[in-house]
Amino acid sequence: MRKIFCLLFIFVTIIYFYFLSYSKKYITPAEAINYIGQEKTVCGVVASTKYAFFTKGQPTFLNLDKPYPNHIFTVVIWGKDRVKFSKPPETYYKGKRICVHGLISSYRDIPQITVKDPSQITLIK
């Protein structure tokens, strides 16, 4: 009887932690700072954009929830990956709610995800 109780306890514990870790499918831009180094989905409204054409690497920046210079999360699309997008990301996504999936890193203490493929960004309607 004790063996069955122990197995049941272990099973319930595993199920609990499984649902706890997968219960929230996305995080907010404000929460992203707590997930540096992890692969997550971050959802928010594109508050400001910038295509830095004359900057090395020609990055495109999409800032979620708060505009630059008070931004709290940035999506970075490098120039070499921009050609994969059918529409300019800085105009297409501006003001829209999106989810972006990838590895969260940071630049100057601001969390960011570098997007290499349009499939990493989902438009939320």
PDB file of N, CA and C in Angstrom:
ATOM      1  N   MET A   1       0.828  -1.198   0.000  1.00  0.00           N
ATOM      2  CA  MET A   1       0.000   0.000   0.000  1.00  0.00           C
ATOM      3  C   MET A   1       0.873   1.262   0.000  1.00  0.00           C
ATOM      4  N   ARG A   2       1.925   1.227   0.787  1.00  0.00           N
ATOM      5  CA  ARG A   2       2.812   2.384   0.863  1.00  0.00           C
ATOM      6  C   ARG A   2       3.482   2.640  -0.481  1.00  0.00           C
ATOM      7  N   LYS A   3       3.853   1.575  -1.190  1.00  0.00           N
ATOM      8  CA  LYS A   3       4.485   1.698  -2.496  1.00  0.00           C
ATOM      9  C   LYS A   3       3.534   2.355  -3.498  1.00  0.00           C
ATOM     10  N   ILE A   4       2.278   1.990  -3.459  1.00  0.00           N
ATOM     11  CA  ILE A   4       1.269   2.584  -4.355  1.00  0.00           C
ATOM     12  C   ILE A   4       1.099   4.073  -4.034  1.00  0.00           C
ATOM     13  N   PHE A   5       1.063   4.412  -2.753  1.00  0.00           N
ATOM     14  CA  PHE A   5       0.941   5.814  -2.346  1.00  0.00           C
ATOM     15  C   PHE A   5       2.125   6.634  -2.846  1.00  0.00           C
ATOM     16  N   CYS A   6       3.331   6.095  -2.719  1.00  0.00           N
ATOM     17  CA  CYS A   6       4.533   6.798  -3.186  1.00  0.00           C
ATOM     18  C   CYS A   6       4.496   7.006  -4.695  1.00  0.00           C
ATOM     19  N   LEU A   7       4.128   5.962  -5.431  1.00  0.00           N
ATOM     20  CA  LEU A   7       4.027   6.088  -6.893  1.00  0.00           C
ATOM     21  C   LEU A   7       2.965   7.108  -7.294  1.00  0.00           C
ATOM     22  N   LEU A   8       1.827   7.083  -6.596  1.00  0.00           N
ATOM     23  CA  LEU A   8       0.767   8.046  -6.870  1.00  0.00           C
ATOM     24  C   LEU A   8       1.227   9.468  -6.578  1.00  0.00           C
ATOM     25  N   PHE A   9       1.943   9.658  -5.471  1.00  0.00           N
ATOM     26  CA  PHE A   9       2.470  10.968  -5.118  1.00  0.00           C
ATOM     27  C   PHE A   9       3.448  11.474  -6.181  1.00  0.00           C
ATOM     28  N   ILE A  10       4.333  10.619  -6.631  1.00  0.00           N
ATOM     29  CA  ILE A  10       5.298  10.995  -7.673  1.00  0.00           C
ATOM     30  C   ILE A  10       4.567  11.358  -8.967  1.00  0.00           C
ATOM     31  N   PHE A  11       3.586  10.581  -9.336  1.00  0.00           N
ATOM     32  CA  PHE A  11       2.812  10.842 -10.551  1.00  0.00           C
ATOM     33  C   PHE A  11       2.103  12.203 -10.473  1.00  0.00           C
ATOM     34  N   VAL A  12       1.452  12.456  -9.359  1.00  0.00           N
ATOM     35  CA  VAL A  12       0.731  13.731  -9.174  1.00  0.00           C
ATOM     36  C   VAL A  12       1.707  14.902  -9.195  1.00  0.00           C
ATOM     37  N   THR A  13       2.855  14.741  -8.582  1.00  0.00           N
ATOM     38  CA  THR A  13       3.870  15.797  -8.562  1.00  0.00           C
ATOM     39  C   THR A  13       4.367  16.098  -9.975  1.00  0.00           C
ATOM     40  N   ILE A  14       4.630  15.077 -10.759  1.00  0.00           N
ATOM     41  CA  ILE A  14       5.079  15.270 -12.141  1.00  0.00           C
ATOM     42  C   ILE A  14       4.010  15.983 -12.958  1.00  0.00           C
ATOM     43  N   ILE A  15       2.776  15.546 -12.835  1.00  0.00           N
ATOM     44  CA  ILE A  15       1.668  16.184 -13.567  1.00  0.00           C
ATOM     45  C   ILE A  15       1.523  17.645 -13.155  1.00  0.00           C
ATOM     46  N   TYR A  16       1.626  17.934 -11.871  1.00  0.00           N
ATOM     47  CA  TYR A  16       1.513  19.304 -11.368  1.00  0.00           C
ATOM     48  C   TYR A  16       2.575  20.206 -11.989  1.00  0.00           C
ATOM     49  N   PHE A  17       3.828  19.781 -11.962  1.00  0.00           N
ATOM     50  CA  PHE A  17       4.905  20.599 -12.510  1.00  0.00           C
ATOM     51  C   PHE A  17       4.821  20.702 -14.026  1.00  0.00           C
ATOM     52  N   TYR A  18       4.323  19.680 -14.676  1.00  0.00           N
ATOM     53  CA  TYR A  18       4.143  19.737 -16.129  1.00  0.00           C
ATOM     54  C   TYR A  18       3.136  20.833 -16.481  1.00  0.00           C
ATOM     55  N   PHE A  19       1.989  20.822 -15.831  1.00  0.00           N
ATOM     56  CA  PHE A  19       0.972  21.831 -16.122  1.00  0.00           C
ATOM     57  C   PHE A  19       1.386  23.221 -15.663  1.00  0.00           C
ATOM     58  N   LEU A  20       2.140  23.291 -14.590  1.00  0.00           N
ATOM     59  CA  LEU A  20       2.638  24.578 -14.113  1.00  0.00           C
ATOM     60  C   LEU A  20       3.577  25.209 -15.140  1.00  0.00           C
ATOM     61  N   SER A  21       4.446  24.410 -15.733  1.00  0.00           N
ATOM     62  CA  SER A  21       5.413  24.951 -16.684  1.00  0.00           C
ATOM     63  C   SER A  21       4.797  25.239 -18.044  1.00  0.00           C
ATOM     64  N   TYR A  22       3.729  24.546 -18.409  1.00  0.00           N
ATOM     65  CA  TYR A  22       3.126  24.750 -19.721  1.00  0.00           C
ATOM     66  C   TYR A  22       1.778  25.456 -19.676  1.00  0.00           C
ATOM     67  N   SER A  23       1.354  25.892 -18.509  1.00  0.00           N
ATOM     68  CA  SER A  23       0.046  26.526 -18.389  1.00  0.00           C
ATOM     69  C   SER A  23       0.019  27.896 -19.061  1.00  0.00           C
ATOM     70  N   LYS A  24       1.140  28.583 -19.073  1.00  0.00           N
ATOM     71  CA  LYS A  24       1.209  29.894 -19.705  1.00  0.00           C
ATOM     72  C   LYS A  24       2.063  29.764 -20.960  1.00  0.00           C
ATOM     73  N   LYS A  25       1.446  29.945 -22.096  1.00  0.00           N
ATOM     74  CA  LYS A  25       2.139  29.722 -23.353  1.00  0.00           C
ATOM     75  C   LYS A  25       2.989  30.915 -23.792  1.00  0.00           C
ATOM     76  N   TYR A  26       2.767  32.060 -23.182  1.00  0.00           N
ATOM     77  CA  TYR A  26       3.551  33.232 -23.550  1.00  0.00           C
ATOM     78  C   TYR A  26       3.820  34.087 -22.320  1.00  0.00           C
ATOM     79  N   ILE A  27       4.774  34.999 -22.491  1.00  0.00           N
ATOM     80  CA  ILE A  27       5.068  35.962 -21.436  1.00  0.00           C
ATOM     81  C   ILE A  27       4.916  37.365 -22.005  1.00  0.00           C
ATOM     82  N   THR A  28       4.816  38.348 -21.123  1.00  0.00           N
ATOM     83  CA  THR A  28       4.695  39.736 -21.551  1.00  0.00           C
ATOM     84  C   THR A  28       6.098  40.316 -21.747  1.00  0.00           C
ATOM     85  N   PRO A  29       6.201  41.425 -22.473  1.00  0.00           N
ATOM     86  CA  PRO A  29       7.502  42.080 -22.620  1.00  0.00           C
ATOM     87  C   PRO A  29       8.125  42.455 -21.276  1.00  0.00           C
ATOM     88  N   ALA A  30       7.321  42.860 -20.307  1.00  0.00           N
ATOM     89  CA  ALA A  30       7.843  43.227 -18.985  1.00  0.00           C
ATOM     90  C   ALA A  30       8.411  42.018 -18.247  1.00  0.00           C
ATOM     91  N   GLU A  31       7.880  40.838 -18.499  1.00  0.00           N
ATOM     92  CA  GLU A  31       8.358  39.621 -17.828  1.00  0.00           C
ATOM     93  C   GLU A  31       9.630  39.061 -18.476  1.00  0.00           C
ATOM     94  N   ALA A  32       9.906  39.447 -19.708  1.00  0.00           N
ATOM     95  CA  ALA A  32      11.018  38.865 -20.470  1.00  0.00           C
ATOM     96  C   ALA A  32      12.368  39.012 -19.784  1.00  0.00           C
ATOM     97  N   ILE A  33      12.567  40.049 -19.004  1.00  0.00           N
ATOM     98  CA  ILE A  33      13.841  40.270 -18.312  1.00  0.00           C
ATOM     99  C   ILE A  33      14.180  39.093 -17.384  1.00  0.00           C
ATOM    100  N   ASN A  34      13.168  38.372 -16.939  1.00  0.00           N
ATOM    101  CA  ASN A  34      13.361  37.233 -16.041  1.00  0.00           C
ATOM    102  C   ASN A  34      13.682  35.934 -16.777  1.00  0.00           C
ATOM    103  N   TYR A  35      13.713  35.974 -18.110  1.00  0.00           N
ATOM    104  CA  TYR A  35      13.897  34.759 -18.903  1.00  0.00           C
ATOM    105  C   TYR A  35      15.081  34.847 -19.864  1.00  0.00           C
ATOM    106  N   ILE A  36      16.063  35.673 -19.544  1.00  0.00           N
ATOM    107  CA  ILE A  36      17.260  35.794 -20.380  1.00  0.00           C
ATOM    108  C   ILE A  36      17.918  34.411 -20.501  1.00  0.00           C
ATOM    109  N   GLY A  37      18.255  34.038 -21.729  1.00  0.00           N
ATOM    110  CA  GLY A  37      18.888  32.747 -21.966  1.00  0.00           C
ATOM    111  C   GLY A  37      17.912  31.610 -22.202  1.00  0.00           C
ATOM    112  N   GLN A  38      16.618  31.911 -22.162  1.00  0.00           N
ATOM    113  CA  GLN A  38      15.598  30.885 -22.383  1.00  0.00           C
ATOM    114  C   GLN A  38      14.835  31.149 -23.675  1.00  0.00           C
ATOM    115  N   GLU A  39      14.324  30.094 -24.257  1.00  0.00           N
ATOM    116  CA  GLU A  39      13.498  30.211 -25.455  1.00  0.00           C
ATOM    117  C   GLU A  39      12.051  30.357 -25.005  1.00  0.00           C
ATOM    118  N   LYS A  40      11.430  31.465 -25.373  1.00  0.00           N
ATOM    119  CA  LYS A  40      10.059  31.777 -24.954  1.00  0.00           C
ATOM    120  C   LYS A  40       9.301  32.459 -26.081  1.00  0.00           C
ATOM    121  N   THR A  41       8.004  32.604 -25.875  1.00  0.00           N
ATOM    122  CA  THR A  41       7.152  33.397 -26.753  1.00  0.00           C
ATOM    123  C   THR A  41       6.744  34.640 -25.981  1.00  0.00           C
ATOM    124  N   VAL A  42       7.010  35.798 -26.566  1.00  0.00           N
ATOM    125  CA  VAL A  42       6.696  37.082 -25.938  1.00  0.00           C
ATOM    126  C   VAL A  42       5.631  37.766 -26.790  1.00  0.00           C
ATOM    127  N   CYS A  43       4.551  38.220 -26.154  1.00  0.00           N
ATOM    128  CA  CYS A  43       3.455  38.872 -26.875  1.00  0.00           C
ATOM    129  C   CYS A  43       3.240  40.289 -26.362  1.00  0.00           C
ATOM    130  N   GLY A  44       3.031  41.211 -27.300  1.00  0.00           N
ATOM    131  CA  GLY A  44       2.773  42.598 -26.950  1.00  0.00           C
ATOM    132  C   GLY A  44       2.450  43.419 -28.180  1.00  0.00           C
ATOM    133  N   VAL A  45       2.181  44.684 -27.972  1.00  0.00           N
ATOM    134  CA  VAL A  45       1.855  45.612 -29.053  1.00  0.00           C
ATOM    135  C   VAL A  45       3.133  46.307 -29.517  1.00  0.00           C
ATOM    136  N   VAL A  46       3.306  46.399 -30.821  1.00  0.00           N
ATOM    137  CA  VAL A  46       4.480  47.069 -31.385  1.00  0.00           C
ATOM    138  C   VAL A  46       4.276  48.575 -31.216  1.00  0.00           C
ATOM    139  N   ALA A  47       4.967  49.143 -30.234  1.00  0.00           N
ATOM    140  CA  ALA A  47       4.790  50.549 -29.865  1.00  0.00           C
ATOM    141  C   ALA A  47       5.639  51.487 -30.712  1.00  0.00           C
ATOM    142  N   SER A  48       6.796  51.024 -31.183  1.00  0.00           N
ATOM    143  CA  SER A  48       7.639  51.837 -32.059  1.00  0.00           C
ATOM    144  C   SER A  48       8.501  50.921 -32.911  1.00  0.00           C
ATOM    145  N   THR A  49       8.926  51.450 -34.053  1.00  0.00           N
ATOM    146  CA  THR A  49       9.759  50.675 -34.979  1.00  0.00           C
ATOM    147  C   THR A  49      10.858  51.565 -35.539  1.00  0.00           C
ATOM    148  N   LYS A  50      11.899  50.909 -36.051  1.00  0.00           N
ATOM    149  CA  LYS A  50      12.993  51.654 -36.675  1.00  0.00           C
ATOM    150  C   LYS A  50      13.748  50.720 -37.611  1.00  0.00           C
ATOM    151  N   TYR A  51      13.884  51.147 -38.853  1.00  0.00           N
ATOM    152  CA  TYR A  51      14.744  50.446 -39.795  1.00  0.00           C
ATOM    153  C   TYR A  51      16.016  51.275 -39.907  1.00  0.00           C
ATOM    154  N   ALA A  52      17.092  50.787 -39.327  1.00  0.00           N
ATOM    155  CA  ALA A  52      18.354  51.523 -39.282  1.00  0.00           C
ATOM    156  C   ALA A  52      19.187  51.169 -40.519  1.00  0.00           C
ATOM    157  N   PHE A  53      18.755  51.665 -41.659  1.00  0.00           N
ATOM    158  CA  PHE A  53      19.356  51.358 -42.954  1.00  0.00           C
ATOM    159  C   PHE A  53      20.842  51.697 -43.019  1.00  0.00           C
ATOM    160  N   PHE A  54      21.232  52.807 -42.407  1.00  0.00           N
ATOM    161  CA  PHE A  54      22.624  53.253 -42.486  1.00  0.00           C
ATOM    162  C   PHE A  54      23.513  52.697 -41.369  1.00  0.00           C
ATOM    163  N   THR A  55      22.948  51.877 -40.494  1.00  0.00           N
ATOM    164  CA  THR A  55      23.707  51.264 -39.405  1.00  0.00           C
ATOM    165  C   THR A  55      24.270  49.923 -39.873  1.00  0.00           C
ATOM    166  N   LYS A  56      25.451  49.567 -39.360  1.00  0.00           N
ATOM    167  CA  LYS A  56      26.081  48.301 -39.717  1.00  0.00           C
ATOM    168  C   LYS A  56      25.110  47.139 -39.455  1.00  0.00           C
ATOM    169  N   GLY A  57      24.913  46.297 -40.449  1.00  0.00           N
ATOM    170  CA  GLY A  57      24.015  45.159 -40.332  1.00  0.00           C
ATOM    171  C   GLY A  57      22.575  45.483 -40.682  1.00  0.00           C
ATOM    172  N   GLN A  58      22.273  46.756 -40.883  1.00  0.00           N
ATOM    173  CA  GLN A  58      20.944  47.241 -41.244  1.00  0.00           C
ATOM    174  C   GLN A  58      19.812  46.598 -40.419  1.00  0.00           C
ATOM    175  N   PRO A  59      19.856  46.768 -39.102  1.00  0.00           N
ATOM    176  CA  PRO A  59      18.828  46.147 -38.262  1.00  0.00           C
ATOM    177  C   PRO A  59      17.481  46.866 -38.335  1.00  0.00           C
ATOM    178  N   THR A  60      16.440  46.091 -38.117  1.00  0.00           N
ATOM    179  CA  THR A  60      15.090  46.618 -37.924  1.00  0.00           C
ATOM    180  C   THR A  60      14.723  46.324 -36.480  1.00  0.00           C
ATOM    181  N   PHE A  61      14.213  47.326 -35.788  1.00  0.00           N
ATOM    182  CA  PHE A  61      13.835  47.176 -34.387  1.00  0.00           C
ATOM    183  C   PHE A  61      12.327  47.332 -34.241  1.00  0.00           C
ATOM    184  N   LEU A  62      11.713  46.399 -33.548  1.00  0.00           N
ATOM    185  CA  LEU A  62      10.299  46.481 -33.186  1.00  0.00           C
ATOM    186  C   LEU A  62      10.252  46.481 -31.662  1.00  0.00           C
ATOM    187  N   ASN A  63       9.823  47.567 -31.066  1.00  0.00           N
ATOM    188  CA  ASN A  63       9.774  47.691 -29.607  1.00  0.00           C
ATOM    189  C   ASN A  63       8.356  47.409 -29.116  1.00  0.00           C
ATOM    190  N   LEU A  64       8.242  46.441 -28.210  1.00  0.00           N
ATOM    191  CA  LEU A  64       6.918  46.033 -27.740  1.00  0.00           C
ATOM    192  C   LEU A  64       6.506  46.769 -26.466  1.00  0.00           C
ATOM    193  N   ASP A  65       5.247  47.155 -26.444  1.00  0.00           N
ATOM    194  CA  ASP A  65       4.535  47.771 -25.310  1.00  0.00           C
ATOM    195  C   ASP A  65       4.952  49.197 -24.951  1.00  0.00           C
ATOM    196  N   LYS A  66       6.231  49.520 -25.054  1.00  0.00           N
ATOM    197  CA  LYS A  66       6.668  50.893 -24.777  1.00  0.00           C
ATOM    198  C   LYS A  66       7.628  51.323 -25.884  1.00  0.00           C
ATOM    199  N   PRO A  67       7.451  52.552 -26.384  1.00  0.00           N
ATOM    200  CA  PRO A  67       8.308  53.016 -27.485  1.00  0.00           C
ATOM    201  C   PRO A  67       9.720  53.382 -27.022  1.00  0.00           C
ATOM    202  N   TYR A  68      10.637  53.353 -27.985  1.00  0.00           N
ATOM    203  CA  TYR A  68      12.002  53.833 -27.763  1.00  0.00           C
ATOM    204  C   TYR A  68      11.936  55.317 -27.423  1.00  0.00           C
ATOM    205  N   PRO A  69      12.656  55.828 -26.468  1.00  0.00           N
ATOM    206  CA  PRO A  69      13.786  55.276 -25.730  1.00  0.00           C
ATOM    207  C   PRO A  69      13.401  54.609 -24.403  1.00  0.00           C
ATOM    208  N   ASN A  70      12.118  54.475 -24.125  1.00  0.00           N
ATOM    209  CA  ASN A  70      11.678  53.843 -22.874  1.00  0.00           C
ATOM    210  C   ASN A  70      11.280  52.379 -23.086  1.00  0.00           C
ATOM    211  N   HIS A  71      11.789  51.796 -24.134  1.00  0.00           N
ATOM    212  CA  HIS A  71      11.419  50.433 -24.515  1.00  0.00           C
ATOM    213  C   HIS A  71      11.810  49.421 -23.440  1.00  0.00           C
ATOM    214  N   ILE A  72      11.008  48.349 -23.356  1.00  0.00           N
ATOM    215  CA  ILE A  72      11.264  47.309 -22.354  1.00  0.00           C
ATOM    216  C   ILE A  72      11.562  45.960 -23.013  1.00  0.00           C
ATOM    217  N   PHE A  73      11.311  45.857 -24.317  1.00  0.00           N
ATOM    218  CA  PHE A  73      11.589  44.626 -25.055  1.00  0.00           C
ATOM    219  C   PHE A  73      11.714  44.965 -26.537  1.00  0.00           C
ATOM    220  N   THR A  74      12.687  44.350 -27.202  1.00  0.00           N
ATOM    221  CA  THR A  74      12.932  44.637 -28.616  1.00  0.00           C
ATOM    222  C   THR A  74      13.009  43.358 -29.435  1.00  0.00           C
ATOM    223  N   VAL A  75      12.373  43.405 -30.590  1.00  0.00           N
ATOM    224  CA  VAL A  75      12.532  42.368 -31.606  1.00  0.00           C
ATOM    225  C   VAL A  75      13.540  42.927 -32.599  1.00  0.00           C
ATOM    226  N   VAL A  76      14.588  42.163 -32.893  1.00  0.00           N
ATOM    227  CA  VAL A  76      15.635  42.607 -33.818  1.00  0.00           C
ATOM    228  C   VAL A  76      15.596  41.722 -35.062  1.00  0.00           C
ATOM    229  N   ILE A  77      15.548  42.373 -36.226  1.00  0.00           N
ATOM    230  CA  ILE A  77      15.619  41.669 -37.511  1.00  0.00           C
ATOM    231  C   ILE A  77      16.798  42.255 -38.266  1.00  0.00           C
ATOM    232  N   TRP A  78      17.835  41.452 -38.484  1.00  0.00           N
ATOM    233  CA  TRP A  78      19.017  41.933 -39.190  1.00  0.00           C
ATOM    234  C   TRP A  78      18.736  42.040 -40.685  1.00  0.00           C
ATOM    235  N   GLY A  79      19.458  42.923 -41.341  1.00  0.00           N
ATOM    236  CA  GLY A  79      19.255  43.201 -42.763  1.00  0.00           C
ATOM    237  C   GLY A  79      19.286  41.957 -43.640  1.00  0.00           C
ATOM    238  N   LYS A  80      20.170  41.018 -43.352  1.00  0.00           N
ATOM    239  CA  LYS A  80      20.272  39.798 -44.164  1.00  0.00           C
ATOM    240  C   LYS A  80      19.017  38.939 -44.062  1.00  0.00           C
ATOM    241  N   ASP A  81      18.244  39.106 -42.988  1.00  0.00           N
ATOM    242  CA  ASP A  81      17.015  38.336 -42.804  1.00  0.00           C
ATOM    243  C   ASP A  81      15.770  39.110 -43.230  1.00  0.00           C
ATOM    244  N   ARG A  82      15.905  40.416 -43.427  1.00  0.00           N
ATOM    245  CA  ARG A  82      14.783  41.272 -43.845  1.00  0.00           C
ATOM    246  C   ARG A  82      14.169  40.835 -45.161  1.00  0.00           C
ATOM    247  N   VAL A  83      15.018  40.324 -46.059  1.00  0.00           N
ATOM    248  CA  VAL A  83      14.534  39.927 -47.395  1.00  0.00           C
ATOM    249  C   VAL A  83      13.542  38.768 -47.322  1.00  0.00           C
ATOM    250  N   LYS A  84      13.493  38.068 -46.209  1.00  0.00           N
ATOM    251  CA  LYS A  84      12.556  36.953 -46.036  1.00  0.00           C
ATOM    252  C   LYS A  84      11.127  37.431 -45.765  1.00  0.00           C
ATOM    253  N   PHE A  85      10.987  38.702 -45.415  1.00  0.00           N
ATOM    254  CA  PHE A  85       9.674  39.272 -45.114  1.00  0.00           C
ATOM    255  C   PHE A  85       9.061  39.835 -46.393  1.00  0.00           C
ATOM    256  N   SER A  86       7.778  39.540 -46.625  1.00  0.00           N
ATOM    257  CA  SER A  86       7.113  40.009 -47.847  1.00  0.00           C
ATOM    258  C   SER A  86       6.783  41.504 -47.782  1.00  0.00           C
ATOM    259  N   LYS A  87       6.655  42.047 -46.566  1.00  0.00           N
ATOM    260  CA  LYS A  87       6.381  43.478 -46.367  1.00  0.00           C
ATOM    261  C   LYS A  87       7.405  44.023 -45.381  1.00  0.00           C
ATOM    262  N   PRO A  88       7.734  45.308 -45.473  1.00  0.00           N
ATOM    263  CA  PRO A  88       8.695  45.886 -44.519  1.00  0.00           C
ATOM    264  C   PRO A  88       8.176  45.730 -43.080  1.00  0.00           C
ATOM    265  N   PRO A  89       8.921  45.030 -42.231  1.00  0.00           N
ATOM    266  CA  PRO A  89       8.447  44.772 -40.862  1.00  0.00           C
ATOM    267  C   PRO A  89       8.137  46.033 -40.066  1.00  0.00           C
ATOM    268  N   GLU A  90       8.922  47.098 -40.278  1.00  0.00           N
ATOM    269  CA  GLU A  90       8.728  48.322 -39.487  1.00  0.00           C
ATOM    270  C   GLU A  90       7.406  49.011 -39.792  1.00  0.00           C
ATOM    271  N   THR A  91       6.846  48.795 -40.964  1.00  0.00           N
ATOM    272  CA  THR A  91       5.538  49.381 -41.269  1.00  0.00           C
ATOM    273  C   THR A  91       4.410  48.371 -41.081  1.00  0.00           C
ATOM    274  N   TYR A  92       4.654  47.129 -41.437  1.00  0.00           N
ATOM    275  CA  TYR A  92       3.611  46.101 -41.359  1.00  0.00           C
ATOM    276  C   TYR A  92       3.177  45.820 -39.918  1.00  0.00           C
ATOM    277  N   TYR A  93       4.123  45.730 -38.999  1.00  0.00           N
ATOM    278  CA  TYR A  93       3.799  45.352 -37.624  1.00  0.00           C
ATOM    279  C   TYR A  93       3.497  46.528 -36.697  1.00  0.00           C
ATOM    280  N   LYS A  94       3.837  47.741 -37.099  1.00  0.00           N
ATOM    281  CA  LYS A  94       3.661  48.907 -36.213  1.00  0.00           C
ATOM    282  C   LYS A  94       2.209  49.046 -35.756  1.00  0.00           C
ATOM    283  N   GLY A  95       2.036  49.132 -34.432  1.00  0.00           N
ATOM    284  CA  GLY A  95       0.714  49.304 -33.835  1.00  0.00           C
ATOM    285  C   GLY A  95      -0.076  48.010 -33.689  1.00  0.00           C
ATOM    286  N   LYS A  96       0.468  46.906 -34.144  1.00  0.00           N
ATOM    287  CA  LYS A  96      -0.243  45.628 -34.091  1.00  0.00           C
ATOM    288  C   LYS A  96       0.243  44.785 -32.917  1.00  0.00           C
ATOM    289  N   ARG A  97      -0.631  43.898 -32.481  1.00  0.00           N
ATOM    290  CA  ARG A  97      -0.275  42.952 -31.416  1.00  0.00           C
ATOM    291  C   ARG A  97       0.361  41.730 -32.071  1.00  0.00           C
ATOM    292  N   ILE A  98       1.564  41.395 -31.595  1.00  0.00           N
ATOM    293  CA  ILE A  98       2.290  40.259 -32.139  1.00  0.00           C
ATOM    294  C   ILE A  98       2.803  39.359 -31.017  1.00  0.00           C
ATOM    295  N   CYS A  99       3.126  38.136 -31.392  1.00  0.00           N
ATOM    296  CA  CYS A  99       3.862  37.236 -30.527  1.00  0.00           C
ATOM    297  C   CYS A  99       5.123  36.856 -31.283  1.00  0.00           C
ATOM    298  N   VAL A 100       6.235  36.842 -30.592  1.00  0.00           N
ATOM    299  CA  VAL A 100       7.517  36.494 -31.204  1.00  0.00           C
ATOM    300  C   VAL A 100       8.133  35.367 -30.382  1.00  0.00           C
ATOM    301  N   HIS A 101       8.633  34.354 -31.091  1.00  0.00           N
ATOM    302  CA  HIS A 101       9.205  33.193 -30.415  1.00  0.00           C
ATOM    303  C   HIS A 101      10.698  33.102 -30.715  1.00  0.00           C
ATOM    304  N   GLY A 102      11.485  32.859 -29.676  1.00  0.00           N
ATOM    305  CA  GLY A 102      12.919  32.696 -29.869  1.00  0.00           C
ATOM    306  C   GLY A 102      13.669  32.768 -28.556  1.00  0.00           C
ATOM    307  N   LEU A 103      14.978  32.789 -28.686  1.00  0.00           N
ATOM    308  CA  LEU A 103      15.869  32.862 -27.531  1.00  0.00           C
ATOM    309  C   LEU A 103      15.942  34.308 -27.038  1.00  0.00           C
ATOM    310  N   ILE A 104      15.651  34.498 -25.773  1.00  0.00           N
ATOM    311  CA  ILE A 104      15.707  35.838 -25.197  1.00  0.00           C
ATOM    312  C   ILE A 104      17.142  36.134 -24.767  1.00  0.00           C
ATOM    313  N   SER A 105      17.680  37.210 -25.308  1.00  0.00           N
ATOM    314  CA  SER A 105      18.999  37.697 -24.910  1.00  0.00           C
ATOM    315  C   SER A 105      18.804  39.122 -24.413  1.00  0.00           C
ATOM    316  N   SER A 106      19.895  39.819 -24.143  1.00  0.00           N
ATOM    317  CA  SER A 106      19.743  41.215 -23.737  1.00  0.00           C
ATOM    318  C   SER A 106      20.835  42.053 -24.377  1.00  0.00           C
ATOM    319  N   TYR A 107      20.496  43.301 -24.615  1.00  0.00           N
ATOM    320  CA  TYR A 107      21.442  44.285 -25.126  1.00  0.00           C
ATOM    321  C   TYR A 107      21.256  45.533 -24.289  1.00  0.00           C
ATOM    322  N   ARG A 108      22.306  45.924 -23.582  1.00  0.00           N
ATOM    323  CA  ARG A 108      22.259  47.069 -22.665  1.00  0.00           C
ATOM    324  C   ARG A 108      21.109  46.930 -21.666  1.00  0.00           C
ATOM    325  N   ASP A 109      20.984  45.736 -21.120  1.00  0.00           N
ATOM    326  CA  ASP A 109      19.986  45.394 -20.098  1.00  0.00           C
ATOM    327  C   ASP A 109      18.534  45.428 -20.578  1.00  0.00           C
ATOM    328  N   ILE A 110      18.318  45.450 -21.881  1.00  0.00           N
ATOM    329  CA  ILE A 110      16.970  45.380 -22.441  1.00  0.00           C
ATOM    330  C   ILE A 110      16.821  44.005 -23.098  1.00  0.00           C
ATOM    331  N   PRO A 111      15.816  43.219 -22.695  1.00  0.00           N
ATOM    332  CA  PRO A 111      15.638  41.911 -23.311  1.00  0.00           C
ATOM    333  C   PRO A 111      15.241  42.042 -24.777  1.00  0.00           C
ATOM    334  N   GLN A 112      15.679  41.063 -25.563  1.00  0.00           N
ATOM    335  CA  GLN A 112      15.370  41.077 -26.992  1.00  0.00           C
ATOM    336  C   GLN A 112      15.354  39.661 -27.551  1.00  0.00           C
ATOM    337  N   ILE A 113      14.670  39.517 -28.672  1.00  0.00           N
ATOM    338  CA  ILE A 113      14.713  38.281 -29.455  1.00  0.00           C
ATOM    339  C   ILE A 113      15.143  38.670 -30.856  1.00  0.00           C
ATOM    340  N   THR A 114      16.137  37.964 -31.381  1.00  0.00           N
ATOM    341  CA  THR A 114      16.566  38.171 -32.759  1.00  0.00           C
ATOM    342  C   THR A 114      15.778  37.221 -33.641  1.00  0.00           C
ATOM    343  N   VAL A 115      15.073  37.786 -34.612  1.00  0.00           N
ATOM    344  CA  VAL A 115      14.234  37.008 -35.523  1.00  0.00           C
ATOM    345  C   VAL A 115      15.007  36.760 -36.809  1.00  0.00           C
ATOM    346  N   LYS A 116      15.109  35.498 -37.179  1.00  0.00           N
ATOM    347  CA  LYS A 116      15.804  35.125 -38.414  1.00  0.00           C
ATOM    348  C   LYS A 116      14.838  34.695 -39.505  1.00  0.00           C
ATOM    349  N   ASP A 117      13.579  34.451 -39.118  1.00  0.00           N
ATOM    350  CA  ASP A 117      12.575  33.986 -40.069  1.00  0.00           C
ATOM    351  C   ASP A 117      11.207  34.552 -39.698  1.00  0.00           C
ATOM    352  N   PRO A 118      10.403  34.959 -40.678  1.00  0.00           N
ATOM    353  CA  PRO A 118       9.083  35.513 -40.385  1.00  0.00           C
ATOM    354  C   PRO A 118       8.176  34.574 -39.580  1.00  0.00           C
ATOM    355  N   SER A 119       8.427  33.268 -39.664  1.00  0.00           N
ATOM    356  CA  SER A 119       7.597  32.314 -38.929  1.00  0.00           C
ATOM    357  C   SER A 119       7.731  32.465 -37.412  1.00  0.00           C
ATOM    358  N   GLN A 120       8.742  33.195 -36.958  1.00  0.00           N
ATOM    359  CA  GLN A 120       8.909  33.432 -35.529  1.00  0.00           C
ATOM    360  C   GLN A 120       7.944  34.488 -35.001  1.00  0.00           C
ATOM    361  N   ILE A 121       7.312  35.248 -35.907  1.00  0.00           N
ATOM    362  CA  ILE A 121       6.394  36.307 -35.515  1.00  0.00           C
ATOM    363  C   ILE A 121       4.979  35.905 -35.927  1.00  0.00           C
ATOM    364  N   THR A 122       4.072  35.988 -34.969  1.00  0.00           N
ATOM    365  CA  THR A 122       2.665  35.704 -35.228  1.00  0.00           C
ATOM    366  C   THR A 122       1.865  36.976 -34.982  1.00  0.00           C
ATOM    367  N   LEU A 123       1.033  37.321 -35.929  1.00  0.00           N
ATOM    368  CA  LEU A 123       0.162  38.490 -35.800  1.00  0.00           C
ATOM    369  C   LEU A 123      -1.098  38.059 -35.054  1.00  0.00           C
ATOM    370  N   ILE A 124      -1.446  38.755 -33.972  1.00  0.00           N
ATOM    371  CA  ILE A 124      -2.626  38.441 -33.177  1.00  0.00           C
ATOM    372  C   ILE A 124      -3.742  39.394 -33.580  1.00  0.00           C
ATOM    373  N   LYS A 125      -4.858  38.834 -33.948  1.00  0.00           N
ATOM    374  CA  LYS A 125      -5.991  39.679 -34.393  1.00  0.00           C
ATOM    375  C   LYS A 125      -6.978  39.909 -33.299  1.00  0.00           C
TER     376      LYS A 125
END
